Amino acid sequence: WSKLQKANFSKGKNLLLYVKGDENAGFTTDIKLELKNSRGEAGSYILSGITKSWKEFTVPLSEFSGLTDLSSMEEFVITFDDVNATVKKGVIYVDDITVN
């Protein structure tokens, strides 16, 4: 997880990030992304399609249902859970997370 320190995402449309799995260690193809705001609201999105090569993912902020205010964001969380993970052990790399 990462603290966002009340970042203002209200003018943004998309969350952009690069993700890849480690071919040798194994990896899940699905992870859960979560955003949390200062009001205590949380929205989540299941990111699917992770491969062994770097891939850019564009997730519309509107897909994080449950968030009514994007002007004061507190946390960005990546969750590896038993429900969504396709593989229970492995390594995922995440880079260049931005909102535009």
Protein backbone atom coordinates (compact mmCIF):
# COMPACT_ATOMS: atom_id res chain seq x y z
CA TRP A 1 0.00 0.00 0.00
CA SER A 2 1.02 3.60 -0.46
CA LYS A 3 -0.05 6.74 1.36
CA LEU A 4 -1.37 9.40 -1.02
CA GLN A 5 -1.39 12.27 1.50
CA LYS A 6 -4.70 13.81 0.42
CA ALA A 7 -3.79 13.84 -3.30
CA ASN A 8 -6.41 15.43 -5.52
CA PHE A 9 -7.53 13.03 -8.28
CA SER A 10 -10.72 14.97 -9.10
CA LYS A 11 -9.37 16.26 -12.44
CA GLY A 12 -7.98 12.86 -13.43
CA LYS A 13 -9.78 10.32 -15.56
CA ASN A 14 -7.51 7.26 -15.40
CA LEU A 15 -5.11 5.39 -13.16
CA LEU A 16 -2.13 4.25 -15.26
CA LEU A 17 0.37 1.63 -14.16
CA TYR A 18 2.79 -0.90 -15.60
CA VAL A 19 2.65 -4.46 -14.27
CA LYS A 20 4.40 -7.76 -14.99
CA GLY A 21 4.77 -11.13 -13.34
CA ASP A 22 8.02 -12.97 -12.66
CA GLU A 23 8.22 -15.91 -15.05
CA ASN A 24 10.61 -17.89 -12.83
CA ALA A 25 8.88 -17.31 -9.49
CA GLY A 26 5.35 -17.59 -10.89
CA PHE A 27 2.60 -15.00 -10.62
CA THR A 28 -1.11 -14.40 -10.45
CA THR A 29 -2.79 -12.91 -13.50
CA ASP A 30 -5.32 -10.99 -11.39
CA ILE A 31 -4.86 -8.52 -8.53
CA LYS A 32 -7.21 -6.18 -6.70
CA LEU A 33 -6.52 -2.44 -6.74
CA GLU A 34 -8.08 -0.23 -4.08
CA LEU A 35 -8.30 3.52 -3.61
CA LYS A 36 -9.34 5.10 -0.31
CA ASN A 37 -10.27 8.71 0.37
CA SER A 38 -10.40 11.00 3.41
CA ARG A 39 -14.13 10.35 3.87
CA GLY A 40 -13.43 6.69 4.62
CA GLU A 41 -14.78 5.55 1.27
CA ALA A 42 -13.04 2.79 -0.64
CA GLY A 43 -13.34 1.63 -4.21
CA SER A 44 -11.83 -1.45 -5.77
CA TYR A 45 -11.05 -2.79 -9.23
CA ILE A 46 -9.89 -6.26 -10.32
CA LEU A 47 -6.93 -5.89 -12.68
CA SER A 48 -6.75 -8.89 -15.00
CA GLY A 49 -4.40 -9.90 -17.78
CA ILE A 50 -1.00 -9.72 -16.09
CA THR A 51 1.69 -11.46 -18.16
CA LYS A 52 5.44 -12.10 -17.94
CA SER A 53 6.11 -8.93 -19.97
CA TRP A 54 5.65 -5.33 -18.90
CA LYS A 55 2.16 -4.18 -19.81
CA GLU A 56 0.57 -0.77 -19.41
CA PHE A 57 -2.87 -0.83 -17.79
CA THR A 58 -5.30 2.08 -17.95
CA VAL A 59 -8.10 1.93 -15.39
CA PRO A 60 -10.79 4.61 -15.49
CA LEU A 61 -11.18 6.13 -12.02
CA SER A 62 -14.93 5.73 -12.48
CA GLU A 63 -14.40 1.94 -12.24
CA PHE A 64 -13.51 2.30 -8.54
CA SER A 65 -17.15 2.11 -7.43
CA GLY A 66 -17.87 3.36 -3.95
CA LEU A 67 -15.84 6.57 -4.24
CA THR A 68 -17.90 9.75 -4.39
CA ASP A 69 -15.02 12.17 -3.77
CA LEU A 70 -11.64 12.01 -5.52
CA SER A 71 -10.37 15.35 -4.18
CA SER A 72 -8.66 13.99 -1.06
CA MET A 73 -7.19 10.54 -1.62
CA GLU A 74 -5.48 8.74 1.26
CA GLU A 75 -4.28 5.30 0.08
CA PHE A 76 -3.56 3.17 -2.95
CA VAL A 77 -3.59 -0.56 -2.12
CA ILE A 78 -2.70 -3.66 -4.12
CA THR A 79 -4.30 -6.77 -2.66
CA PHE A 80 -3.40 -10.38 -3.33
CA ASP A 81 -6.32 -12.31 -1.94
CA ASP A 82 -7.60 -15.87 -2.06
CA VAL A 83 -10.68 -14.87 -4.05
CA ASN A 84 -8.99 -13.16 -7.02
CA ALA A 85 -5.44 -14.54 -7.13
CA THR A 86 -4.98 -17.20 -9.81
CA VAL A 87 -1.69 -18.34 -8.23
CA LYS A 88 -1.03 -18.20 -4.47
CA LYS A 89 2.78 -17.72 -4.63
CA GLY A 90 4.97 -15.65 -6.87
CA VAL A 91 6.23 -12.18 -7.68
CA ILE A 92 4.51 -9.20 -9.30
CA TYR A 93 6.35 -6.03 -10.36
CA VAL A 94 4.52 -2.68 -10.47
CA ASP A 95 6.00 0.54 -11.82
CA ASP A 96 5.16 4.05 -12.95
CA ILE A 97 1.80 4.55 -11.20
CA THR A 98 0.16 7.82 -12.28
CA VAL A 99 -3.23 9.50 -12.57
CA ASN A 100 -4.04 11.54 -15.67
